[in-house]
Structures are given as structure tokens and as C-alpha cells.
Amino acid sequence: MKITSTLFIYLIRRLMLHFMVIYGGLLGIVYVFEAVELLRRLAKRGGVDFDVLFVMTAYKLPEVGLQILPFGLFFACVFMLWN
């Protein structure tokens, strides 16, 4: 039973490492694209404050994060099993 639990802990640790890296990367990419989109929209009005822009983008990130969560987990599993 010790070998099985050791293998399980190793696989879970590898999966969580890959998941955090891939999910963080995906969230970073989404954050950049959302910030560019908001900047484009706010540039028409003029007087863009970058602090407000980045806070508005950060407020939208949890909603988008929940939508890309399955993809992050899928790619983490594929990458872990590929290695």
C-alpha cells in the first residue's frame, strides 16, 4: 500500500505543478487581452487612468478564470501524462 500512496502523491504533486503553471499562464494571457480591449474602448472617451483600467481588468478575471478552468486542467493532465 505504501508504493501506491507514494505514486499517487507524486502524480498529484506533478499535476498540481503543471496546473498552476498552465492556468497561471492562461490567466496572464487573458488578462493582457482584456486590458488591451478595455484600453481600446476607453481610448475613445479620452482621459484613461491606467490604475482604474488594471483594476477593472482584475475584476473581470475571476469570471473568465472560471470559464477557462476546465481547459487549464485538461492541458495540465495532457502535459503531465505526456511527460
PDB file of N, CA and C in Angstrom:
ATOM      1  N   MET A   1       0.816  -1.194   0.000  1.00  0.00           N
ATOM      2  CA  MET A   1       0.000   0.000   0.000  1.00  0.00           C
ATOM      3  C   MET A   1       0.862   1.262   0.000  1.00  0.00           C
ATOM      4  N   LYS A   2       2.058   1.189   0.527  1.00  0.00           N
ATOM      5  CA  LYS A   2       2.938   2.355   0.588  1.00  0.00           C
ATOM      6  C   LYS A   2       3.383   2.786  -0.800  1.00  0.00           C
ATOM      7  N   ILE A   3       3.624   1.856  -1.706  1.00  0.00           N
ATOM      8  CA  ILE A   3       4.049   2.200  -3.059  1.00  0.00           C
ATOM      9  C   ILE A   3       2.926   2.923  -3.791  1.00  0.00           C
ATOM     10  N   THR A   4       1.715   2.469  -3.619  1.00  0.00           N
ATOM     11  CA  THR A   4       0.584   3.094  -4.286  1.00  0.00           C
ATOM     12  C   THR A   4       0.368   4.517  -3.781  1.00  0.00           C
ATOM     13  N   SER A   5       0.446   4.724  -2.491  1.00  0.00           N
ATOM     14  CA  SER A   5       0.238   6.074  -1.964  1.00  0.00           C
ATOM     15  C   SER A   5       1.392   6.996  -2.362  1.00  0.00           C
ATOM     16  N   THR A   6       2.599   6.472  -2.432  1.00  0.00           N
ATOM     17  CA  THR A   6       3.737   7.275  -2.867  1.00  0.00           C
ATOM     18  C   THR A   6       3.578   7.686  -4.318  1.00  0.00           C
ATOM     19  N   LEU A   7       3.170   6.760  -5.161  1.00  0.00           N
ATOM     20  CA  LEU A   7       2.932   7.062  -6.571  1.00  0.00           C
ATOM     21  C   LEU A   7       1.795   8.063  -6.728  1.00  0.00           C
ATOM     22  N   PHE A   8       0.738   7.904  -5.955  1.00  0.00           N
ATOM     23  CA  PHE A   8      -0.399   8.816  -6.015  1.00  0.00           C
ATOM     24  C   PHE A   8       0.013  10.238  -5.618  1.00  0.00           C
ATOM     25  N   ILE A   9       0.778  10.348  -4.551  1.00  0.00           N
ATOM     26  CA  ILE A   9       1.239  11.670  -4.112  1.00  0.00           C
ATOM     27  C   ILE A   9       2.141  12.297  -5.161  1.00  0.00           C
ATOM     28  N   TYR A  10       3.009  11.506  -5.762  1.00  0.00           N
ATOM     29  CA  TYR A  10       3.895  12.016  -6.807  1.00  0.00           C
ATOM     30  C   TYR A  10       3.090  12.528  -8.001  1.00  0.00           C
ATOM     31  N   LEU A  11       2.110  11.763  -8.452  1.00  0.00           N
ATOM     32  CA  LEU A  11       1.304  12.168  -9.604  1.00  0.00           C
ATOM     33  C   LEU A  11       0.466  13.409  -9.303  1.00  0.00           C
ATOM     34  N   ILE A  12      -0.117  13.466  -8.125  1.00  0.00           N
ATOM     35  CA  ILE A  12      -0.912  14.638  -7.750  1.00  0.00           C
ATOM     36  C   ILE A  12      -0.033  15.872  -7.651  1.00  0.00           C
ATOM     37  N   ARG A  13       1.158  15.721  -7.089  1.00  0.00           N
ATOM     38  CA  ARG A  13       2.074  16.862  -6.985  1.00  0.00           C
ATOM     39  C   ARG A  13       2.481  17.363  -8.366  1.00  0.00           C
ATOM     40  N   ARG A  14       2.775  16.448  -9.282  1.00  0.00           N
ATOM     41  CA  ARG A  14       3.139  16.836 -10.642  1.00  0.00           C
ATOM     42  C   ARG A  14       1.957  17.508 -11.352  1.00  0.00           C
ATOM     43  N   LEU A  15       0.761  16.952 -11.153  1.00  0.00           N
ATOM     44  CA  LEU A  15      -0.426  17.525 -11.780  1.00  0.00           C
ATOM     45  C   LEU A  15      -0.687  18.934 -11.270  1.00  0.00           C
ATOM     46  N   MET A  16      -0.577  19.155  -9.969  1.00  0.00           N
ATOM     47  CA  MET A  16      -0.817  20.478  -9.409  1.00  0.00           C
ATOM     48  C   MET A  16       0.228  21.482  -9.878  1.00  0.00           C
ATOM     49  N   LEU A  17       1.470  21.045 -10.006  1.00  0.00           N
ATOM     50  CA  LEU A  17       2.516  21.931 -10.505  1.00  0.00           C
ATOM     51  C   LEU A  17       2.225  22.353 -11.939  1.00  0.00           C
ATOM     52  N   HIS A  18       1.913  21.383 -12.785  1.00  0.00           N
ATOM     53  CA  HIS A  18       1.591  21.696 -14.175  1.00  0.00           C
ATOM     54  C   HIS A  18       0.330  22.549 -14.264  1.00  0.00           C
ATOM     55  N   PHE A  19      -0.655  22.253 -13.427  1.00  0.00           N
ATOM     56  CA  PHE A  19      -1.898  23.015 -13.462  1.00  0.00           C
ATOM     57  C   PHE A  19      -1.668  24.470 -13.087  1.00  0.00           C
ATOM     58  N   MET A  20      -0.894  24.707 -12.028  1.00  0.00           N
ATOM     59  CA  MET A  20      -0.660  26.087 -11.604  1.00  0.00           C
ATOM     60  C   MET A  20       0.101  26.874 -12.670  1.00  0.00           C
ATOM     61  N   VAL A  21       1.065  26.238 -13.312  1.00  0.00           N
ATOM     62  CA  VAL A  21       1.838  26.931 -14.344  1.00  0.00           C
ATOM     63  C   VAL A  21       0.975  27.221 -15.567  1.00  0.00           C
ATOM     64  N   ILE A  22       0.252  26.217 -16.044  1.00  0.00           N
ATOM     65  CA  ILE A  22      -0.564  26.389 -17.255  1.00  0.00           C
ATOM     66  C   ILE A  22      -1.735  27.328 -16.990  1.00  0.00           C
ATOM     67  N   TYR A  23      -2.411  27.163 -15.871  1.00  0.00           N
ATOM     68  CA  TYR A  23      -3.559  28.019 -15.548  1.00  0.00           C
ATOM     69  C   TYR A  23      -3.119  29.459 -15.309  1.00  0.00           C
ATOM     70  N   GLY A  24      -1.992  29.623 -14.641  1.00  0.00           N
ATOM     71  CA  GLY A  24      -1.461  30.973 -14.450  1.00  0.00           C
ATOM     72  C   GLY A  24      -1.083  31.624 -15.771  1.00  0.00           C
ATOM     73  N   GLY A  25      -0.505  30.844 -16.673  1.00  0.00           N
ATOM     74  CA  GLY A  25      -0.168  31.370 -17.999  1.00  0.00           C
ATOM     75  C   GLY A  25      -1.405  31.763 -18.785  1.00  0.00           C
ATOM     76  N   LEU A  26      -2.422  30.918 -18.742  1.00  0.00           N
ATOM     77  CA  LEU A  26      -3.665  31.234 -19.441  1.00  0.00           C
ATOM     78  C   LEU A  26      -4.324  32.483 -18.853  1.00  0.00           C
ATOM     79  N   LEU A  27      -4.335  32.588 -17.531  1.00  0.00           N
ATOM     80  CA  LEU A  27      -4.907  33.784 -16.898  1.00  0.00           C
ATOM     81  C   LEU A  27      -4.108  35.027 -17.253  1.00  0.00           C
ATOM     82  N   GLY A  28      -2.801  34.906 -17.346  1.00  0.00           N
ATOM     83  CA  GLY A  28      -1.975  36.035 -17.738  1.00  0.00           C
ATOM     84  C   GLY A  28      -2.270  36.497 -19.154  1.00  0.00           C
ATOM     85  N   ILE A  29      -2.429  35.542 -20.060  1.00  0.00           N
ATOM     86  CA  ILE A  29      -2.751  35.878 -21.449  1.00  0.00           C
ATOM     87  C   ILE A  29      -4.120  36.544 -21.529  1.00  0.00           C
ATOM     88  N   VAL A  30      -5.095  36.005 -20.807  1.00  0.00           N
ATOM     89  CA  VAL A  30      -6.441  36.583 -20.805  1.00  0.00           C
ATOM     90  C   VAL A  30      -6.413  37.982 -20.205  1.00  0.00           C
ATOM     91  N   TYR A  31      -5.617  38.182 -19.149  1.00  0.00           N
ATOM     92  CA  TYR A  31      -5.519  39.499 -18.511  1.00  0.00           C
ATOM     93  C   TYR A  31      -4.979  40.539 -19.493  1.00  0.00           C
ATOM     94  N   VAL A  32      -3.965  40.161 -20.240  1.00  0.00           N
ATOM     95  CA  VAL A  32      -3.378  41.099 -21.211  1.00  0.00           C
ATOM     96  C   VAL A  32      -4.398  41.452 -22.286  1.00  0.00           C
ATOM     97  N   PHE A  33      -5.083  40.446 -22.830  1.00  0.00           N
ATOM     98  CA  PHE A  33      -6.063  40.718 -23.882  1.00  0.00           C
ATOM     99  C   PHE A  33      -7.243  41.540 -23.372  1.00  0.00           C
ATOM    100  N   GLU A  34      -7.694  41.276 -22.148  1.00  0.00           N
ATOM    101  CA  GLU A  34      -8.791  42.064 -21.578  1.00  0.00           C
ATOM    102  C   GLU A  34      -8.349  43.508 -21.337  1.00  0.00           C
ATOM    103  N   ALA A  35      -7.112  43.689 -20.886  1.00  0.00           N
ATOM    104  CA  ALA A  35      -6.619  45.050 -20.657  1.00  0.00           C
ATOM    105  C   ALA A  35      -6.513  45.818 -21.972  1.00  0.00           C
ATOM    106  N   VAL A  36      -6.057  45.162 -23.020  1.00  0.00           N
ATOM    107  CA  VAL A  36      -5.960  45.817 -24.326  1.00  0.00           C
ATOM    108  C   VAL A  36      -7.351  46.171 -24.840  1.00  0.00           C
ATOM    109  N   GLU A  37      -8.311  45.279 -24.649  1.00  0.00           N
ATOM    110  CA  GLU A  37      -9.683  45.542 -25.098  1.00  0.00           C
ATOM    111  C   GLU A  37     -10.291  46.725 -24.333  1.00  0.00           C
ATOM    112  N   LEU A  38     -10.110  46.768 -23.025  1.00  0.00           N
ATOM    113  CA  LEU A  38     -10.621  47.899 -22.252  1.00  0.00           C
ATOM    114  C   LEU A  38      -9.904  49.191 -22.609  1.00  0.00           C
ATOM    115  N   LEU A  39      -8.623  49.102 -22.864  1.00  0.00           N
ATOM    116  CA  LEU A  39      -7.869  50.290 -23.268  1.00  0.00           C
ATOM    117  C   LEU A  39      -8.377  50.823 -24.598  1.00  0.00           C
ATOM    118  N   ARG A  40      -8.696  49.925 -25.507  1.00  0.00           N
ATOM    119  CA  ARG A  40      -9.238  50.329 -26.801  1.00  0.00           C
ATOM    120  C   ARG A  40     -10.589  51.018 -26.632  1.00  0.00           C
ATOM    121  N   ARG A  41     -11.432  50.458 -25.761  1.00  0.00           N
ATOM    122  CA  ARG A  41     -12.746  51.061 -25.532  1.00  0.00           C
ATOM    123  C   ARG A  41     -12.648  52.410 -24.832  1.00  0.00           C
ATOM    124  N   LEU A  42     -11.771  52.499 -23.845  1.00  0.00           N
ATOM    125  CA  LEU A  42     -11.659  53.737 -23.077  1.00  0.00           C
ATOM    126  C   LEU A  42     -10.879  54.819 -23.817  1.00  0.00           C
ATOM    127  N   ALA A  43     -10.116  54.457 -24.825  1.00  0.00           N
ATOM    128  CA  ALA A  43      -9.349  55.454 -25.575  1.00  0.00           C
ATOM    129  C   ALA A  43     -10.269  56.374 -26.365  1.00  0.00           C
ATOM    130  N   LYS A  44     -11.433  55.894 -26.734  1.00  0.00           N
ATOM    131  CA  LYS A  44     -12.390  56.725 -27.460  1.00  0.00           C
ATOM    132  C   LYS A  44     -12.908  57.867 -26.591  1.00  0.00           C
ATOM    133  N   ARG A  45     -13.002  57.630 -25.270  1.00  0.00           N
ATOM    134  CA  ARG A  45     -13.533  58.639 -24.358  1.00  0.00           C
ATOM    135  C   ARG A  45     -12.475  59.633 -23.922  1.00  0.00           C
ATOM    136  N   GLY A  46     -11.220  59.222 -23.928  1.00  0.00           N
ATOM    137  CA  GLY A  46     -10.143  60.112 -23.500  1.00  0.00           C
ATOM    138  C   GLY A  46      -9.988  60.112 -21.990  1.00  0.00           C
ATOM    139  N   GLY A  47      -8.846  60.560 -21.524  1.00  0.00           N
ATOM    140  CA  GLY A  47      -8.607  60.645 -20.081  1.00  0.00           C
ATOM    141  C   GLY A  47      -8.541  59.284 -19.412  1.00  0.00           C
ATOM    142  N   VAL A  48      -7.796  58.359 -19.980  1.00  0.00           N
ATOM    143  CA  VAL A  48      -7.718  56.995 -19.449  1.00  0.00           C
ATOM    144  C   VAL A  48      -6.765  56.967 -18.263  1.00  0.00           C
ATOM    145  N   ASP A  49      -7.232  56.487 -17.142  1.00  0.00           N
ATOM    146  CA  ASP A  49      -6.405  56.289 -15.967  1.00  0.00           C
ATOM    147  C   ASP A  49      -6.016  54.816 -15.905  1.00  0.00           C
ATOM    148  N   PHE A  50      -4.727  54.550 -15.972  1.00  0.00           N
ATOM    149  CA  PHE A  50      -4.266  53.163 -16.073  1.00  0.00           C
ATOM    150  C   PHE A  50      -4.514  52.361 -14.802  1.00  0.00           C
ATOM    151  N   ASP A  51      -4.514  53.021 -13.664  1.00  0.00           N
ATOM    152  CA  ASP A  51      -4.821  52.309 -12.422  1.00  0.00           C
ATOM    153  C   ASP A  51      -6.239  51.746 -12.449  1.00  0.00           C
ATOM    154  N   VAL A  52      -7.175  52.558 -12.891  1.00  0.00           N
ATOM    155  CA  VAL A  52      -8.569  52.110 -12.993  1.00  0.00           C
ATOM    156  C   VAL A  52      -8.706  51.016 -14.045  1.00  0.00           C
ATOM    157  N   LEU A  53      -7.981  51.165 -15.134  1.00  0.00           N
ATOM    158  CA  LEU A  53      -8.023  50.163 -16.206  1.00  0.00           C
ATOM    159  C   LEU A  53      -7.576  48.800 -15.707  1.00  0.00           C
ATOM    160  N   PHE A  54      -6.475  48.755 -14.972  1.00  0.00           N
ATOM    161  CA  PHE A  54      -5.966  47.473 -14.493  1.00  0.00           C
ATOM    162  C   PHE A  54      -6.840  46.877 -13.392  1.00  0.00           C
ATOM    163  N   VAL A  55      -7.464  47.733 -12.591  1.00  0.00           N
ATOM    164  CA  VAL A  55      -8.388  47.227 -11.570  1.00  0.00           C
ATOM    165  C   VAL A  55      -9.643  46.664 -12.226  1.00  0.00           C
ATOM    166  N   MET A  56     -10.152  47.340 -13.251  1.00  0.00           N
ATOM    167  CA  MET A  56     -11.329  46.832 -13.962  1.00  0.00           C
ATOM    168  C   MET A  56     -11.024  45.490 -14.625  1.00  0.00           C
ATOM    169  N   THR A  57      -9.836  45.356 -15.168  1.00  0.00           N
ATOM    170  CA  THR A  57      -9.440  44.093 -15.776  1.00  0.00           C
ATOM    171  C   THR A  57      -9.310  43.003 -14.718  1.00  0.00           C
ATOM    172  N   ALA A  58      -8.788  43.341 -13.560  1.00  0.00           N
ATOM    173  CA  ALA A  58      -8.653  42.367 -12.480  1.00  0.00           C
ATOM    174  C   ALA A  58     -10.017  41.916 -11.958  1.00  0.00           C
ATOM    175  N   TYR A  59     -11.003  42.816 -11.969  1.00  0.00           N
ATOM    176  CA  TYR A  59     -12.343  42.437 -11.531  1.00  0.00           C
ATOM    177  C   TYR A  59     -13.012  41.460 -12.500  1.00  0.00           C
ATOM    178  N   LYS A  60     -12.652  41.519 -13.762  1.00  0.00           N
ATOM    179  CA  LYS A  60     -13.241  40.613 -14.744  1.00  0.00           C
ATOM    180  C   LYS A  60     -12.531  39.252 -14.764  1.00  0.00           C
ATOM    181  N   LEU A  61     -11.335  39.191 -14.230  1.00  0.00           N
ATOM    182  CA  LEU A  61     -10.525  37.976 -14.299  1.00  0.00           C
ATOM    183  C   LEU A  61     -11.156  36.751 -13.614  1.00  0.00           C
ATOM    184  N   PRO A  62     -11.795  36.844 -12.447  1.00  0.00           N
ATOM    185  CA  PRO A  62     -12.392  35.634 -11.860  1.00  0.00           C
ATOM    186  C   PRO A  62     -13.487  35.008 -12.720  1.00  0.00           C
ATOM    187  N   GLU A  63     -14.279  35.837 -13.374  1.00  0.00           N
ATOM    188  CA  GLU A  63     -15.331  35.303 -14.246  1.00  0.00           C
ATOM    189  C   GLU A  63     -14.731  34.521 -15.407  1.00  0.00           C
ATOM    190  N   VAL A  64     -13.740  35.091 -16.030  1.00  0.00           N
ATOM    191  CA  VAL A  64     -13.089  34.427 -17.151  1.00  0.00           C
ATOM    192  C   VAL A  64     -12.285  33.229 -16.654  1.00  0.00           C
ATOM    193  N   GLY A  65     -11.728  33.339 -15.449  1.00  0.00           N
ATOM    194  CA  GLY A  65     -10.969  32.234 -14.874  1.00  0.00           C
ATOM    195  C   GLY A  65     -11.808  30.985 -14.681  1.00  0.00           C
ATOM    196  N   LEU A  66     -13.058  31.170 -14.289  1.00  0.00           N
ATOM    197  CA  LEU A  66     -13.940  30.011 -14.145  1.00  0.00           C
ATOM    198  C   LEU A  66     -14.275  29.377 -15.491  1.00  0.00           C
ATOM    199  N   GLN A  67     -14.302  30.179 -16.530  1.00  0.00           N
ATOM    200  CA  GLN A  67     -14.603  29.637 -17.854  1.00  0.00           C
ATOM    201  C   GLN A  67     -13.432  28.856 -18.438  1.00  0.00           C
ATOM    202  N   ILE A  68     -12.199  29.266 -18.120  1.00  0.00           N
ATOM    203  CA  ILE A  68     -11.048  28.558 -18.682  1.00  0.00           C
ATOM    204  C   ILE A  68     -10.486  27.497 -17.740  1.00  0.00           C
ATOM    205  N   LEU A  69     -11.084  27.326 -16.569  1.00  0.00           N
ATOM    206  CA  LEU A  69     -10.624  26.321 -15.616  1.00  0.00           C
ATOM    207  C   LEU A  69     -10.592  24.909 -16.201  1.00  0.00           C
ATOM    208  N   PRO A  70     -11.639  24.443 -16.884  1.00  0.00           N
ATOM    209  CA  PRO A  70     -11.571  23.087 -17.452  1.00  0.00           C
ATOM    210  C   PRO A  70     -10.459  22.923 -18.485  1.00  0.00           C
ATOM    211  N   PHE A  71     -10.199  23.970 -19.257  1.00  0.00           N
ATOM    212  CA  PHE A  71      -9.145  23.883 -20.254  1.00  0.00           C
ATOM    213  C   PHE A  71      -7.773  23.815 -19.587  1.00  0.00           C
ATOM    214  N   GLY A  72      -7.594  24.572 -18.527  1.00  0.00           N
ATOM    215  CA  GLY A  72      -6.332  24.521 -17.792  1.00  0.00           C
ATOM    216  C   GLY A  72      -6.085  23.147 -17.194  1.00  0.00           C
ATOM    217  N   LEU A  73      -7.124  22.551 -16.620  1.00  0.00           N
ATOM    218  CA  LEU A  73      -6.993  21.217 -16.049  1.00  0.00           C
ATOM    219  C   LEU A  73      -6.736  20.179 -17.130  1.00  0.00           C
ATOM    220  N   PHE A  74      -7.426  20.301 -18.256  1.00  0.00           N
ATOM    221  CA  PHE A  74      -7.226  19.373 -19.363  1.00  0.00           C
ATOM    222  C   PHE A  74      -5.798  19.429 -19.884  1.00  0.00           C
ATOM    223  N   PHE A  75      -5.295  20.643 -20.137  1.00  0.00           N
ATOM    224  CA  PHE A  75      -3.942  20.770 -20.662  1.00  0.00           C
ATOM    225  C   PHE A  75      -2.904  20.336 -19.637  1.00  0.00           C
ATOM    226  N   ALA A  76      -3.164  20.551 -18.354  1.00  0.00           N
ATOM    227  CA  ALA A  76      -2.250  20.091 -17.313  1.00  0.00           C
ATOM    228  C   ALA A  76      -2.186  18.570 -17.276  1.00  0.00           C
ATOM    229  N   CYS A  77      -3.344  17.913 -17.401  1.00  0.00           N
ATOM    230  CA  CYS A  77      -3.370  16.437 -17.422  1.00  0.00           C
ATOM    231  C   CYS A  77      -2.648  15.903 -18.647  1.00  0.00           C
ATOM    232  N   VAL A  78      -2.896  16.500 -19.780  1.00  0.00           N
ATOM    233  CA  VAL A  78      -2.236  16.044 -21.011  1.00  0.00           C
ATOM    234  C   VAL A  78      -0.725  16.224 -20.899  1.00  0.00           C
ATOM    235  N   PHE A  79      -0.291  17.375 -20.405  1.00  0.00           N
ATOM    236  CA  PHE A  79       1.138  17.633 -20.293  1.00  0.00           C
ATOM    237  C   PHE A  79       1.790  16.699 -19.279  1.00  0.00           C
ATOM    238  N   MET A  80       1.107  16.441 -18.148  1.00  0.00           N
ATOM    239  CA  MET A  80       1.663  15.552 -17.144  1.00  0.00           C
ATOM    240  C   MET A  80       1.801  14.134 -17.683  1.00  0.00           C
ATOM    241  N   LEU A  81       0.779  13.647 -18.365  1.00  0.00           N
ATOM    242  CA  LEU A  81       0.834  12.285 -18.902  1.00  0.00           C
ATOM    243  C   LEU A  81       1.778  12.176 -20.098  1.00  0.00           C
ATOM    244  N   TRP A  82       1.974  13.280 -20.781  1.00  0.00           N
ATOM    245  CA  TRP A  82       2.903  13.276 -21.910  1.00  0.00           C
ATOM    246  C   TRP A  82       4.336  13.115 -21.411  1.00  0.00           C
ATOM    247  N   ASN A  83       4.633  13.726 -20.262  1.00  0.00           N
ATOM    248  CA  ASN A  83       5.981  13.604 -19.680  1.00  0.00           C
ATOM    249  C   ASN A  83       6.147  12.227 -19.078  1.00  0.00           C
TER     250      ASN A  83
END
